Amino acid sequence: MLHIEDPIGFWPGEDEIVCEVDSFLRDHDKCGVSTVANTIFPAALDRGDGIEALTERYMQVYERRMHRQGEWGRYFQRMVAWPTGSGKNAGTVNQLAENIATLRAMRGGEAKFFGNVTEIALFDPARDLRKKMNRQCLSFIELKPERNGNSWRLSMMAVYRNHYYVQRTLGNLIGLGRLLAFIANEAGFEVGSLTIQSTHACLDPDLQRGDVFELIAACADPAALTTSPETTNLPQLASA
């Protein structure tokens, strides 16, 4: 269980840590931190013009560059285009748009406040139970609105069925933090905390333990890191 009180803030030295991890992953032929984060929230496509416009841009990119037959898709794609019906009745549900509308209505007083009705499904039994490998690891997201007088705060809990802690965790934390900030901003809430429950987690079995321990030791002393945001291709995440 990981709990982050400030999931969008970066302390001094943390940009350097992100870049060090990113460099490590790329050197070991793994997806970089930004790639992992973007599967959850495609920050580069956000123009500040709302969930519908973001969804339209994303789905164009997804169909052109990311969609592959036989693959399970992408997390953000499941959030904004969950398939419903079949044949002539086939369609999609934009889970993010629906949740944002619900939160806005509660925030504006048009709907009764509930702290337990906003959630996002990622696991799909119709698709995911058919195979045991190469399927989604993030299963479910719960959004938790809170109100205290004139203060409105939105927190998030994400449940992972499986989690590789070196390859995925840092990118997932950044992506989920960005997703939370987007939803909160669209609905008029302050950003709350982020909690991740990994029901199964491990150090990646295909990475050498010695290499991982060296990475951990390097990240424990940010001042000693030689990698900086200016010398890598990774965007400076604190300002993204």
C-alpha atoms as a PDB file:
ATOM      1  CA  MET A   1       0.000   0.000   0.000  1.00  0.00           C
ATOM      2  CA  LEU A   2       1.350   3.419  -1.013  1.00  0.00           C
ATOM      3  CA  HIS A   3      -0.204   6.669   0.200  1.00  0.00           C
ATOM      4  CA  ILE A   4       0.841  10.033  -1.241  1.00  0.00           C
ATOM      5  CA  GLU A   5      -0.496  13.189   0.402  1.00  0.00           C
ATOM      6  CA  ASP A   6       0.613  15.473  -2.452  1.00  0.00           C
ATOM      7  CA  PRO A   7       0.480  13.445  -5.693  1.00  0.00           C
ATOM      8  CA  ILE A   8       1.200  16.372  -8.038  1.00  0.00           C
ATOM      9  CA  GLY A   9       3.907  18.248  -6.130  1.00  0.00           C
ATOM     10  CA  PHE A  10       7.642  17.728  -6.612  1.00  0.00           C
ATOM     11  CA  TRP A  11      10.184  18.398  -3.871  1.00  0.00           C
ATOM     12  CA  PRO A  12      13.687  19.684  -4.669  1.00  0.00           C
ATOM     13  CA  GLY A  13      15.765  16.881  -6.171  1.00  0.00           C
ATOM     14  CA  GLU A  14      12.829  14.745  -7.285  1.00  0.00           C
ATOM     15  CA  ASP A  15      13.078  15.812 -10.940  1.00  0.00           C
ATOM     16  CA  GLU A  16      16.606  14.393 -10.926  1.00  0.00           C
ATOM     17  CA  ILE A  17      15.377  11.136  -9.405  1.00  0.00           C
ATOM     18  CA  VAL A  18      12.700  10.770 -12.079  1.00  0.00           C
ATOM     19  CA  CYS A  19      15.296  11.307 -14.794  1.00  0.00           C
ATOM     20  CA  GLU A  20      17.677   8.802 -13.182  1.00  0.00           C
ATOM     21  CA  VAL A  21      14.956   6.138 -13.126  1.00  0.00           C
ATOM     22  CA  ASP A  22      13.973   6.995 -16.696  1.00  0.00           C
ATOM     23  CA  SER A  23      17.581   6.622 -17.861  1.00  0.00           C
ATOM     24  CA  PHE A  24      17.883   3.305 -16.027  1.00  0.00           C
ATOM     25  CA  LEU A  25      14.726   1.926 -17.654  1.00  0.00           C
ATOM     26  CA  ARG A  26      15.739   2.982 -21.149  1.00  0.00           C
ATOM     27  CA  ASP A  27      19.228   1.524 -20.663  1.00  0.00           C
ATOM     28  CA  HIS A  28      17.544  -1.785 -19.817  1.00  0.00           C
ATOM     29  CA  ASP A  29      15.189  -1.674 -22.843  1.00  0.00           C
ATOM     30  CA  LYS A  30      12.104  -0.860 -20.755  1.00  0.00           C
ATOM     31  CA  CYS A  31       9.443   1.786 -21.266  1.00  0.00           C
ATOM     32  CA  GLY A  32      10.486   5.171 -19.923  1.00  0.00           C
ATOM     33  CA  VAL A  33       8.703   6.971 -17.094  1.00  0.00           C
ATOM     34  CA  SER A  34       6.787   9.291 -19.452  1.00  0.00           C
ATOM     35  CA  THR A  35       5.569   6.364 -21.563  1.00  0.00           C
ATOM     36  CA  VAL A  36       4.138   4.627 -18.508  1.00  0.00           C
ATOM     37  CA  ALA A  37       2.565   7.844 -17.185  1.00  0.00           C
ATOM     38  CA  ASN A  38       0.954   8.605 -20.540  1.00  0.00           C
ATOM     39  CA  THR A  39      -0.911   5.279 -20.641  1.00  0.00           C
ATOM     40  CA  ILE A  40      -2.912   6.605 -17.676  1.00  0.00           C
ATOM     41  CA  PHE A  41      -3.126  10.270 -18.623  1.00  0.00           C
ATOM     42  CA  PRO A  42      -1.855  11.656 -21.967  1.00  0.00           C
ATOM     43  CA  ALA A  43      -0.691  15.009 -20.617  1.00  0.00           C
ATOM     44  CA  ALA A  44       0.730  16.211 -23.945  1.00  0.00           C
ATOM     45  CA  LEU A  45      -2.756  16.074 -25.511  1.00  0.00           C
ATOM     46  CA  ASP A  46      -4.448  18.133 -22.798  1.00  0.00           C
ATOM     47  CA  ARG A  47      -5.146  21.674 -24.067  1.00  0.00           C
ATOM     48  CA  GLY A  48      -7.283  22.761 -21.127  1.00  0.00           C
ATOM     49  CA  ASP A  49     -10.469  22.580 -23.205  1.00  0.00           C
ATOM     50  CA  GLY A  50     -12.284  19.829 -21.323  1.00  0.00           C
ATOM     51  CA  ILE A  51     -12.753  16.077 -21.321  1.00  0.00           C
ATOM     52  CA  GLU A  52     -14.728  15.831 -24.571  1.00  0.00           C
ATOM     53  CA  ALA A  53     -12.054  17.626 -26.609  1.00  0.00           C
ATOM     54  CA  LEU A  54      -9.284  15.645 -24.934  1.00  0.00           C
ATOM     55  CA  THR A  55     -11.123  12.396 -25.645  1.00  0.00           C
ATOM     56  CA  GLU A  56     -11.538  13.293 -29.329  1.00  0.00           C
ATOM     57  CA  ARG A  57      -7.836  14.101 -29.732  1.00  0.00           C
ATOM     58  CA  TYR A  58      -6.758  11.010 -27.833  1.00  0.00           C
ATOM     59  CA  MET A  59      -8.958   8.575 -29.764  1.00  0.00           C
ATOM     60  CA  GLN A  60      -7.637   9.914 -33.068  1.00  0.00           C
ATOM     61  CA  VAL A  61      -4.073   9.249 -31.897  1.00  0.00           C
ATOM     62  CA  TYR A  62      -5.052   5.904 -30.386  1.00  0.00           C
ATOM     63  CA  GLU A  63      -6.674   4.595 -33.580  1.00  0.00           C
ATOM     64  CA  ARG A  64      -3.828   5.858 -35.758  1.00  0.00           C
ATOM     65  CA  ARG A  65      -0.787   4.918 -33.680  1.00  0.00           C
ATOM     66  CA  MET A  66      -1.622   2.704 -30.687  1.00  0.00           C
ATOM     67  CA  HIS A  67      -4.455   0.333 -31.513  1.00  0.00           C
ATOM     68  CA  ARG A  68      -3.300  -3.207 -32.307  1.00  0.00           C
ATOM     69  CA  GLN A  69      -5.442  -6.283 -32.895  1.00  0.00           C
ATOM     70  CA  GLY A  70      -5.163  -8.740 -30.000  1.00  0.00           C
ATOM     71  CA  GLU A  71      -3.876  -6.169 -27.507  1.00  0.00           C
ATOM     72  CA  TRP A  72      -5.895  -5.147 -24.462  1.00  0.00           C
ATOM     73  CA  GLY A  73      -5.688  -1.429 -25.301  1.00  0.00           C
ATOM     74  CA  ARG A  74      -4.583   1.433 -23.058  1.00  0.00           C
ATOM     75  CA  TYR A  75      -5.795   2.532 -19.652  1.00  0.00           C
ATOM     76  CA  PHE A  76      -6.934   5.962 -20.794  1.00  0.00           C
ATOM     77  CA  GLN A  77      -8.720   4.425 -23.772  1.00  0.00           C
ATOM     78  CA  ARG A  78     -10.729   2.219 -21.411  1.00  0.00           C
ATOM     79  CA  MET A  79     -11.547   5.261 -19.287  1.00  0.00           C
ATOM     80  CA  VAL A  80     -12.972   7.307 -22.158  1.00  0.00           C
ATOM     81  CA  ALA A  81     -14.272   4.638 -24.576  1.00  0.00           C
ATOM     82  CA  TRP A  82     -15.569   1.648 -22.605  1.00  0.00           C
ATOM     83  CA  PRO A  83     -17.422  -0.564 -25.139  1.00  0.00           C
ATOM     84  CA  THR A  84     -21.141  -1.190 -24.699  1.00  0.00           C
ATOM     85  CA  GLY A  85     -23.635  -3.225 -26.691  1.00  0.00           C
ATOM     86  CA  SER A  86     -22.910  -5.061 -29.923  1.00  0.00           C
ATOM     87  CA  GLY A  87     -23.760  -4.917 -33.602  1.00  0.00           C
ATOM     88  CA  LYS A  88     -26.019  -1.972 -34.438  1.00  0.00           C
ATOM     89  CA  ASN A  89     -26.267  -1.181 -30.722  1.00  0.00           C
ATOM     90  CA  ALA A  90     -22.503  -0.963 -30.203  1.00  0.00           C
ATOM     91  CA  GLY A  91     -21.248   2.181 -28.528  1.00  0.00           C
ATOM     92  CA  THR A  92     -18.948   3.465 -25.828  1.00  0.00           C
ATOM     93  CA  VAL A  93     -19.198   5.111 -22.419  1.00  0.00           C
ATOM     94  CA  ASN A  94     -16.858   7.933 -21.439  1.00  0.00           C
ATOM     95  CA  GLN A  95     -16.317   7.101 -17.781  1.00  0.00           C
ATOM     96  CA  LEU A  96     -14.305  10.248 -17.114  1.00  0.00           C
ATOM     97  CA  ALA A  97     -16.932  12.543 -18.629  1.00  0.00           C
ATOM     98  CA  GLU A  98     -19.700  10.842 -16.633  1.00  0.00           C
ATOM     99  CA  ASN A  99     -17.786  11.107 -13.364  1.00  0.00           C
ATOM    100  CA  ILE A 100     -16.827  14.734 -13.982  1.00  0.00           C
ATOM    101  CA  ALA A 101     -20.485  15.580 -14.675  1.00  0.00           C
ATOM    102  CA  THR A 102     -21.529  13.853 -11.448  1.00  0.00           C
ATOM    103  CA  LEU A 103     -18.893  15.665  -9.394  1.00  0.00           C
ATOM    104  CA  ARG A 104     -19.782  19.020 -10.965  1.00  0.00           C
ATOM    105  CA  ALA A 105     -23.445  18.510 -10.144  1.00  0.00           C
ATOM    106  CA  MET A 106     -22.632  17.699  -6.523  1.00  0.00           C
ATOM    107  CA  ARG A 107     -20.235  20.637  -6.312  1.00  0.00           C
ATOM    108  CA  GLY A 108     -22.791  23.040  -7.769  1.00  0.00           C
ATOM    109  CA  GLY A 109     -25.687  21.829  -5.649  1.00  0.00           C
ATOM    110  CA  GLU A 110     -27.677  20.379  -8.553  1.00  0.00           C
ATOM    111  CA  ALA A 111     -27.316  16.862  -7.131  1.00  0.00           C
ATOM    112  CA  LYS A 112     -27.143  15.370  -3.668  1.00  0.00           C
ATOM    113  CA  PHE A 113     -23.607  14.885  -2.357  1.00  0.00           C
ATOM    114  CA  PHE A 114     -22.363  11.293  -2.251  1.00  0.00           C
ATOM    115  CA  GLY A 115     -18.817  10.323  -1.318  1.00  0.00           C
ATOM    116  CA  ASN A 116     -19.034   6.823  -2.738  1.00  0.00           C
ATOM    117  CA  VAL A 117     -20.494   6.833  -6.264  1.00  0.00           C
ATOM    118  CA  THR A 118     -17.629   7.939  -8.538  1.00  0.00           C
ATOM    119  CA  GLU A 119     -15.505   5.074  -9.847  1.00  0.00           C
ATOM    120  CA  ILE A 120     -13.639   3.998 -12.969  1.00  0.00           C
ATOM    121  CA  ALA A 121     -13.424   0.386 -14.184  1.00  0.00           C
ATOM    122  CA  LEU A 122     -10.296  -0.886 -15.951  1.00  0.00           C
ATOM    123  CA  PHE A 123     -10.709  -4.663 -15.601  1.00  0.00           C
ATOM    124  CA  ASP A 124     -13.120  -6.104 -18.155  1.00  0.00           C
ATOM    125  CA  PRO A 125     -14.020  -9.771 -17.553  1.00  0.00           C
ATOM    126  CA  ALA A 126     -15.299 -10.180 -21.114  1.00  0.00           C
ATOM    127  CA  ARG A 127     -11.839  -9.375 -22.498  1.00  0.00           C
ATOM    128  CA  ASP A 128      -9.351  -9.959 -19.706  1.00  0.00           C
ATOM    129  CA  LEU A 129     -10.360 -13.348 -18.293  1.00  0.00           C
ATOM    130  CA  ARG A 130      -9.584 -15.000 -21.623  1.00  0.00           C
ATOM    131  CA  LYS A 131      -5.835 -14.658 -21.206  1.00  0.00           C
ATOM    132  CA  LYS A 132      -3.458 -14.982 -18.291  1.00  0.00           C
ATOM    133  CA  MET A 133      -0.576 -12.870 -19.615  1.00  0.00           C
ATOM    134  CA  ASN A 134      -0.133  -9.471 -21.288  1.00  0.00           C
ATOM    135  CA  ARG A 135      -3.301  -7.990 -19.817  1.00  0.00           C
ATOM    136  CA  GLN A 136      -4.084  -4.901 -17.719  1.00  0.00           C
ATOM    137  CA  CYS A 137      -2.523  -4.596 -14.266  1.00  0.00           C
ATOM    138  CA  LEU A 138      -4.539  -1.595 -13.046  1.00  0.00           C
ATOM    139  CA  SER A 139      -7.985  -2.961 -12.259  1.00  0.00           C
ATOM    140  CA  PHE A 140     -10.021  -0.213 -10.630  1.00  0.00           C
ATOM    141  CA  ILE A 141      -9.998   3.454  -9.586  1.00  0.00           C
ATOM    142  CA  GLU A 142     -12.180   4.917  -6.864  1.00  0.00           C
ATOM    143  CA  LEU A 143     -12.679   8.704  -6.689  1.00  0.00           C
ATOM    144  CA  LYS A 144     -13.451  10.034  -3.208  1.00  0.00           C
ATOM    145  CA  PRO A 145     -14.925  13.542  -2.972  1.00  0.00           C
ATOM    146  CA  GLU A 146     -14.936  15.272   0.398  1.00  0.00           C
ATOM    147  CA  ARG A 147     -16.541  18.522   1.500  1.00  0.00           C
ATOM    148  CA  ASN A 148     -15.784  20.590   4.575  1.00  0.00           C
ATOM    149  CA  GLY A 149     -17.680  23.841   4.614  1.00  0.00           C
ATOM    150  CA  ASN A 150     -16.627  25.716   1.479  1.00  0.00           C
ATOM    151  CA  SER A 151     -13.720  23.340   0.860  1.00  0.00           C
ATOM    152  CA  TRP A 152     -14.159  20.590  -1.738  1.00  0.00           C
ATOM    153  CA  ARG A 153     -11.418  17.971  -2.091  1.00  0.00           C
ATOM    154  CA  LEU A 154     -11.043  14.952  -4.385  1.00  0.00           C
ATOM    155  CA  SER A 155      -8.871  11.959  -3.528  1.00  0.00           C
ATOM    156  CA  MET A 156      -8.184   8.759  -5.452  1.00  0.00           C
ATOM    157  CA  MET A 157      -7.562   5.099  -4.694  1.00  0.00           C
ATOM    158  CA  ALA A 158      -6.224   2.759  -7.387  1.00  0.00           C
ATOM    159  CA  VAL A 159      -6.105  -1.040  -7.146  1.00  0.00           C
ATOM    160  CA  TYR A 160      -3.491  -3.051  -9.042  1.00  0.00           C
ATOM    161  CA  ARG A 161      -3.780  -6.807  -9.410  1.00  0.00           C
ATOM    162  CA  ASN A 162      -0.047  -6.929 -10.229  1.00  0.00           C
ATOM    163  CA  HIS A 163       2.720  -4.354 -10.030  1.00  0.00           C
ATOM    164  CA  TYR A 164       6.333  -4.374 -11.205  1.00  0.00           C
ATOM    165  CA  TYR A 165       7.850  -1.824  -8.886  1.00  0.00           C
ATOM    166  CA  VAL A 166      10.893  -0.777 -10.904  1.00  0.00           C
ATOM    167  CA  GLN A 167       9.390  -0.624 -14.389  1.00  0.00           C
ATOM    168  CA  ARG A 168       5.964   0.772 -13.545  1.00  0.00           C
ATOM    169  CA  THR A 169       5.450   2.339 -10.133  1.00  0.00           C
ATOM    170  CA  LEU A 170       7.015   5.773 -10.639  1.00  0.00           C
ATOM    171  CA  GLY A 171       5.325   6.310 -14.002  1.00  0.00           C
ATOM    172  CA  ASN A 172       2.030   5.066 -12.590  1.00  0.00           C
ATOM    173  CA  LEU A 173       2.228   7.475  -9.650  1.00  0.00           C
ATOM    174  CA  ILE A 174       2.861  10.400 -11.986  1.00  0.00           C
ATOM    175  CA  GLY A 175       0.127   9.364 -14.419  1.00  0.00           C
ATOM    176  CA  LEU A 176      -2.451   8.830 -11.667  1.00  0.00           C
ATOM    177  CA  GLY A 177      -1.528  12.147 -10.065  1.00  0.00           C
ATOM    178  CA  ARG A 178      -2.066  13.921 -13.378  1.00  0.00           C
ATOM    179  CA  LEU A 179      -5.364  12.111 -13.917  1.00  0.00           C
ATOM    180  CA  LEU A 180      -6.553  13.095 -10.439  1.00  0.00           C
ATOM    181  CA  ALA A 181      -5.533  16.719 -11.008  1.00  0.00           C
ATOM    182  CA  PHE A 182      -7.375  16.802 -14.348  1.00  0.00           C
ATOM    183  CA  ILE A 183     -10.620  15.403 -12.919  1.00  0.00           C
ATOM    184  CA  ALA A 184     -10.447  17.647  -9.867  1.00  0.00           C
ATOM    185  CA  ASN A 185      -9.836  20.754 -11.980  1.00  0.00           C
ATOM    186  CA  GLU A 186     -12.661  19.909 -14.392  1.00  0.00           C
ATOM    187  CA  ALA A 187     -15.096  19.363 -11.506  1.00  0.00           C
ATOM    188  CA  GLY A 188     -14.028  22.334  -9.367  1.00  0.00           C
ATOM    189  CA  PHE A 189     -12.331  20.377  -6.573  1.00  0.00           C
ATOM    190  CA  GLU A 190      -8.973  20.727  -4.863  1.00  0.00           C
ATOM    191  CA  VAL A 191      -6.531  17.861  -5.384  1.00  0.00           C
ATOM    192  CA  GLY A 192      -6.490  15.458  -2.458  1.00  0.00           C
ATOM    193  CA  SER A 193      -4.394  12.378  -1.758  1.00  0.00           C
ATOM    194  CA  LEU A 194      -3.544   9.319  -3.862  1.00  0.00           C
ATOM    195  CA  THR A 195      -3.530   5.782  -2.492  1.00  0.00           C
ATOM    196  CA  ILE A 196      -2.371   2.720  -4.412  1.00  0.00           C
ATOM    197  CA  GLN A 197      -3.070  -0.833  -3.301  1.00  0.00           C
ATOM    198  CA  SER A 198      -1.045  -3.471  -5.129  1.00  0.00           C
ATOM    199  CA  THR A 199      -2.526  -6.853  -4.263  1.00  0.00           C
ATOM    200  CA  HIS A 200       0.586  -8.440  -5.762  1.00  0.00           C
ATOM    201  CA  ALA A 201       3.850  -6.526  -6.154  1.00  0.00           C
ATOM    202  CA  CYS A 202       7.456  -7.478  -6.778  1.00  0.00           C
ATOM    203  CA  LEU A 203      10.827  -6.280  -7.955  1.00  0.00           C
ATOM    204  CA  ASP A 204      10.939  -7.029 -11.655  1.00  0.00           C
ATOM    205  CA  PRO A 205      12.172 -10.609 -12.199  1.00  0.00           C
ATOM    206  CA  ASP A 206      13.973  -9.761 -15.467  1.00  0.00           C
ATOM    207  CA  LEU A 207      16.197  -7.087 -13.872  1.00  0.00           C
ATOM    208  CA  GLN A 208      19.452  -7.892 -12.113  1.00  0.00           C
ATOM    209  CA  ARG A 209      19.171  -7.308  -8.363  1.00  0.00           C
ATOM    210  CA  GLY A 210      22.581  -5.650  -8.254  1.00  0.00           C
ATOM    211  CA  ASP A 211      21.497  -3.094 -10.867  1.00  0.00           C
ATOM    212  CA  VAL A 212      18.296  -2.371  -8.948  1.00  0.00           C
ATOM    213  CA  PHE A 213      20.145  -1.874  -5.651  1.00  0.00           C
ATOM    214  CA  GLU A 214      22.558   0.525  -7.364  1.00  0.00           C
ATOM    215  CA  LEU A 215      19.582   2.506  -8.694  1.00  0.00           C
ATOM    216  CA  ILE A 216      18.009   2.666  -5.233  1.00  0.00           C
ATOM    217  CA  ALA A 217      21.279   3.822  -3.693  1.00  0.00           C
ATOM    218  CA  ALA A 218      21.681   6.529  -6.354  1.00  0.00           C
ATOM    219  CA  CYS A 219      18.132   7.817  -5.863  1.00  0.00           C
ATOM    220  CA  ALA A 220      18.632   7.960  -2.089  1.00  0.00           C
ATOM    221  CA  ASP A 221      21.163  10.779  -2.639  1.00  0.00           C
ATOM    222  CA  PRO A 222      19.717  13.138  -5.303  1.00  0.00           C
ATOM    223  CA  ALA A 223      22.617  15.579  -4.887  1.00  0.00           C
ATOM    224  CA  ALA A 224      25.000  12.925  -6.225  1.00  0.00           C
ATOM    225  CA  LEU A 225      22.991  12.202  -9.379  1.00  0.00           C
ATOM    226  CA  THR A 226      24.691  13.095 -12.644  1.00  0.00           C
ATOM    227  CA  THR A 227      21.493  12.939 -14.688  1.00  0.00           C
ATOM    228  CA  SER A 228      19.463  16.149 -14.823  1.00  0.00           C
ATOM    229  CA  PRO A 229      16.189  17.118 -16.554  1.00  0.00           C
ATOM    230  CA  GLU A 230      18.168  19.250 -18.999  1.00  0.00           C
ATOM    231  CA  THR A 231      20.299  16.340 -20.202  1.00  0.00           C
ATOM    232  CA  THR A 232      17.555  13.811 -20.937  1.00  0.00           C
ATOM    233  CA  ASN A 233      14.595  13.582 -23.288  1.00  0.00           C
ATOM    234  CA  LEU A 234      12.180  13.286 -20.390  1.00  0.00           C
ATOM    235  CA  PRO A 235       9.961  16.340 -19.912  1.00  0.00           C
ATOM    236  CA  GLN A 236      10.405  18.133 -16.595  1.00  0.00           C
ATOM    237  CA  LEU A 237       7.519  16.445 -14.835  1.00  0.00           C
ATOM    238  CA  ALA A 238       7.136  18.984 -12.049  1.00  0.00           C
ATOM    239  CA  SER A 239       6.010  21.633 -14.502  1.00  0.00           C
ATOM    240  CA  ALA A 240       4.130  19.389 -16.946  1.00  0.00           C
END
